[in-house]
């Protein structure tokens, strides 16, 4: 009996809307249109023509996400400018979340405690990159995906994504 393997599938490029699934045993590969696979959640079971069963992890992101573990501070965008946010800003050690991944389009956040964030909520996030210069980043984001304490967010204005973030992702 063959052992199951897991592979990540990504789009080859933005112009080609196909992904290639490759068997880890016999290396047979087959191309599939992305739109036929997007109905599936994140992992599909595949049985190759050689008889080998394996799992394939579907990845539909347009941009690479860098895994991180950065301390962060977030608040509802409506609170920015309020006394509560000003108090937060003065306490440089205060954190209420971790940034677990980051891309040029957005980031993944894990909250330390329960949250009241809903899909579509706009937030302000502040964090420091773990680089030699440790730049402080403060950006406005919108919640796009929520699962328990994990929130997938998109930058509200991707045109102003900090040059430090772009450099960080190199």
Protein backbone atom coordinates (compact mmCIF):
# COMPACT_ATOMS: atom_id res chain seq x y z
CA UNK A 1 0.00 0.00 0.00
CA UNK A 2 1.39 3.40 -0.99
CA UNK A 3 1.90 6.10 1.55
CA UNK A 4 -0.15 9.27 1.10
CA UNK A 5 1.81 12.44 0.27
CA UNK A 6 0.73 16.07 0.41
CA UNK A 7 1.76 18.57 -2.22
CA UNK A 8 0.99 22.24 -2.66
CA UNK A 9 -0.47 23.34 -5.95
CA UNK A 10 -0.08 26.91 -7.14
CA UNK A 11 -0.95 28.70 -10.33
CA UNK A 12 1.90 28.59 -12.80
CA UNK A 13 1.49 32.30 -13.52
CA UNK A 14 -1.24 34.91 -13.71
CA UNK A 15 -1.67 34.47 -17.49
CA UNK A 16 -2.19 30.70 -17.29
CA UNK A 17 -5.28 29.66 -15.33
CA UNK A 18 -4.16 26.04 -14.90
CA UNK A 19 -2.45 24.08 -12.15
CA UNK A 20 -0.47 20.90 -12.49
CA UNK A 21 -0.96 17.97 -10.14
CA UNK A 22 2.03 15.63 -10.10
CA UNK A 23 2.07 12.13 -8.62
CA UNK A 24 4.84 11.78 -6.01
CA UNK A 25 5.35 8.08 -6.94
CA UNK A 26 5.45 7.88 -10.72
CA UNK A 27 5.73 11.64 -11.48
CA UNK A 28 2.81 11.50 -13.91
CA UNK A 29 1.38 15.00 -14.14
CA UNK A 30 -1.88 16.40 -15.36
CA UNK A 31 -3.03 19.98 -15.89
CA UNK A 32 -6.40 21.13 -14.53
CA UNK A 33 -8.21 24.46 -14.99
CA UNK A 34 -8.26 26.38 -11.70
CA UNK A 35 -11.99 27.13 -11.97
CA UNK A 36 -12.75 23.38 -11.77
CA UNK A 37 -10.85 23.05 -8.48
CA UNK A 38 -11.92 26.24 -6.70
CA UNK A 39 -15.16 24.61 -5.54
CA UNK A 40 -13.08 22.29 -3.33
CA UNK A 41 -11.92 23.43 0.08
CA UNK A 42 -8.18 23.25 0.65
CA UNK A 43 -7.17 19.61 0.19
CA UNK A 44 -8.30 17.04 -2.33
CA UNK A 45 -7.66 13.31 -2.48
CA UNK A 46 -6.19 12.09 -5.75
CA UNK A 47 -5.63 8.58 -7.07
CA UNK A 48 -3.05 8.43 -9.83
CA UNK A 49 -3.36 6.10 -12.82
CA UNK A 50 -0.44 4.15 -11.25
CA UNK A 51 -2.73 3.41 -8.28
CA UNK A 52 -0.96 5.71 -5.79
CA UNK A 53 -3.37 7.69 -3.57
CA UNK A 54 -2.17 11.08 -2.32
CA UNK A 55 -3.48 14.40 -1.04
CA UNK A 56 -2.99 17.67 -2.84
CA UNK A 57 -3.18 20.97 -1.01
CA UNK A 58 -4.88 23.60 -3.13
CA UNK A 59 -3.35 27.07 -2.99
CA UNK A 60 -5.13 29.80 -4.91
CA UNK A 61 -3.25 32.85 -3.62
CA UNK A 62 -2.09 35.28 -6.26
CA UNK A 63 0.91 36.36 -4.20
CA UNK A 64 3.42 34.58 -1.99
CA UNK A 65 2.85 34.86 1.78
CA UNK A 66 5.92 34.97 4.01
CA UNK A 67 5.45 33.07 7.29
CA UNK A 68 6.20 35.28 10.31
CA UNK A 69 5.57 35.57 14.02
CA UNK A 70 5.45 39.31 14.69
CA UNK A 71 3.80 40.99 17.65
CA UNK A 72 1.04 43.37 16.61
CA UNK A 73 -1.56 45.75 17.89
CA UNK A 74 -4.92 46.16 16.18
CA UNK A 75 -8.05 48.17 16.75
CA UNK A 76 -11.24 48.92 14.88
CA UNK A 77 -10.54 51.62 12.30
CA UNK A 78 -13.34 53.72 13.81
CA UNK A 79 -11.31 53.98 17.07
CA UNK A 80 -8.22 55.44 15.36
CA UNK A 81 -7.69 58.94 16.73
CA UNK A 82 -9.64 58.17 19.90
CA UNK A 83 -8.15 58.36 23.40
CA UNK A 84 -8.07 54.53 23.53
CA UNK A 85 -5.87 54.32 20.41
CA UNK A 86 -3.62 57.14 21.68
CA UNK A 87 -3.08 55.22 24.93
CA UNK A 88 -2.24 52.10 22.92
CA UNK A 89 0.29 54.01 20.84
CA UNK A 90 2.17 55.25 23.90
CA UNK A 91 2.62 51.73 25.30
CA UNK A 92 5.16 50.31 22.86
CA UNK A 93 5.10 46.89 24.53
CA UNK A 94 1.34 46.41 24.15
CA UNK A 95 0.28 43.66 21.75
CA UNK A 96 -3.05 41.93 21.20
CA UNK A 97 -2.24 39.79 18.17
CA UNK A 98 0.47 38.09 16.14
CA UNK A 99 1.05 38.57 12.43
CA UNK A 100 1.56 34.98 11.22
CA UNK A 101 2.03 35.67 7.51
CA UNK A 102 2.40 38.65 5.24
CA UNK A 103 2.29 39.41 1.51
CA UNK A 104 2.10 42.52 -0.65
CA UNK A 105 -1.70 42.17 -0.62
CA UNK A 106 -2.40 41.41 3.02
CA UNK A 107 -1.58 39.51 6.17
CA UNK A 108 -2.77 36.80 8.51
CA UNK A 109 -3.43 37.69 12.14
CA UNK A 110 -3.97 35.48 15.18
CA UNK A 111 -5.65 37.27 18.08
CA UNK A 112 -4.49 36.58 21.64
CA UNK A 113 -8.06 36.55 22.98
CA UNK A 114 -11.61 36.38 21.70
CA UNK A 115 -12.49 39.05 19.20
CA UNK A 116 -15.59 40.65 17.75
CA UNK A 117 -14.20 41.06 14.24
CA UNK A 118 -16.50 40.15 11.35
CA UNK A 119 -15.81 39.67 7.67
CA UNK A 120 -15.63 43.11 6.06
CA UNK A 121 -14.59 44.95 9.25
CA UNK A 122 -11.92 47.59 8.79
CA UNK A 123 -9.02 47.61 11.23
CA UNK A 124 -5.77 49.44 11.89
CA UNK A 125 -2.75 47.23 12.53
CA UNK A 126 0.61 48.26 13.95
CA UNK A 127 3.69 46.03 14.13
CA UNK A 128 7.46 45.97 13.77
CA UNK A 129 9.25 43.88 11.19
CA UNK A 130 11.95 41.55 12.49
CA UNK A 131 14.74 43.08 10.43
CA UNK A 132 17.91 44.92 11.42
CA UNK A 133 16.15 48.31 11.21
CA UNK A 134 12.93 47.08 12.92
CA UNK A 135 10.68 49.57 11.13
CA UNK A 136 7.29 50.30 12.70
CA UNK A 137 4.48 49.63 10.23
CA UNK A 138 0.94 50.97 10.61
CA UNK A 139 -1.65 50.06 7.96
CA UNK A 140 -5.39 49.90 7.43
CA UNK A 141 -6.77 46.46 6.60
CA UNK A 142 -10.09 44.74 5.97
CA UNK A 143 -11.01 41.28 7.31
CA UNK A 144 -11.61 38.85 4.42
CA UNK A 145 -11.41 35.41 6.10
CA UNK A 146 -12.19 34.41 9.68
CA UNK A 147 -11.67 31.06 11.36
CA UNK A 148 -11.64 31.14 15.16
CA UNK A 149 -8.81 33.51 16.16
CA UNK A 150 -7.22 33.53 12.69
CA UNK A 151 -8.14 36.47 10.49
CA UNK A 152 -7.02 36.80 6.87
CA UNK A 153 -6.82 40.48 5.98
CA UNK A 154 -6.28 42.52 2.85
CA UNK A 155 -4.59 45.92 2.82
CA UNK A 156 -7.18 48.61 2.13
CA UNK A 157 -4.86 50.46 -0.21
CA UNK A 158 -2.34 48.10 -1.78
CA UNK A 159 -0.74 51.06 -3.58
CA UNK A 160 0.63 52.41 -0.29
CA UNK A 161 2.02 49.15 1.05
CA UNK A 162 5.18 50.16 2.82
CA UNK A 163 8.46 49.74 0.92
CA UNK A 164 9.78 48.01 4.05
CA UNK A 165 7.19 45.23 3.60
CA UNK A 166 8.12 44.80 -0.05
CA UNK A 167 11.81 44.58 0.93
CA UNK A 168 10.94 42.13 3.74
CA UNK A 169 9.33 39.78 1.21
CA UNK A 170 12.39 39.58 -1.05
